[in-house]
Amino acid sequence: MPRAVWTGTISFGLVTIPVRLYPATSPKDVRFHLVDDRGARVHFRRYVEADETEPAAANDVDAETAEGSVGSAGPRTAEREVAFEELQRGFETDEGTVVVSPEEIEAVRPSPSRVIAIEDFVDLADIDPVYFEKSYIVAARDEAAKPYAVLLRAMDRSGRAGIGRFVLRTKPHLAVIRPAGDVLALETMFFADEVRDGRSLAPEVDPAEMSEKEVELAQVLIETLKTDWDPARYEDTYRQQLLERIAKRRPVAGRAASGSAPTGARIDELLDALKASVDEAKRNKARVGKRSA
């Protein structure tokens, strides 16, 4: 069983459901290490490039002097290796590179959250899949099985998905929670300004240039090729062929492989919480209506 990447609660209205988040996918890409012809691992060095705009004269400075002058003002005259603890974060702007300290980044980093607060329920069909980033399975903790099942069934019948926010590791995420068979699934989502508007890339075709017969024939072809979705039909043949080739090769000799309490533990408590949440939502809508009148 995979390890949970996040533990907390789903919150909607006055109902809280303790859950765990598990990765919904397990990528099986064939990954390689970089090695030399004897199988020894190749490592990378971090270094600062020499300043090519103002090269040093051959007799201008020796290697020892150049190394000792690191960090002083003036142009760099030689490459130098940089220790990990010396690294800073730089952001490129039109005027140049802005260096941001770790303390400044930490000052605005969001605090870890243990609640996915559902803010809205939307029609799942209205969400373009381009907004989906990564998929997770939302599993109920043992004490929350009943309210979890109620939420799952209610969302399945309504055809709606919950939109909320939470912090996973150190990054805030927008998320959609939706029914996926017998469980709830969660997709982290791209924010609106992260999704490109594809209309600018759309081909310019005069509708008059397309005949109705061409469109009808395209529809016939689609109908001919249509089938039920079965993901097992589509295999990664490239990965299979690559692994077959690897299996035929002999290894290089001598190299070793390197929360909160649940709401609604009893059905009457869950009903009370749901009724109170509905009443509160109606009051909030009424207040909004009065203000806009």
Foldseek 3Di string as FASTA:
>chain_A
DADFQAWAWEDEQLFTFTKTKAFPDDDDDDDDFDDPPLRHGDDDFAKDAADPVDEDDPPRDDPVVLVVCPPPDDGRHHMDTDDPVPDFDWDQDPVGIDTDHPVNVVVPFDDADRYWYFDDKDQPVPDDCLFFDGKIFIGGDPLRVVVQQVVLVVQVVVNIWTWTWGDRPGDIFIWIWHHDDRTIMITTTDDPVVDDDCPVVDDDDDPVVDDPVNVVVVVVVCVVPDDDDDVVVDDDVVRVVVVVVVVPDDDNPPDDDDYDDGACSDVVRVVVSVVSSVVVVVVVVVVVVVVVD
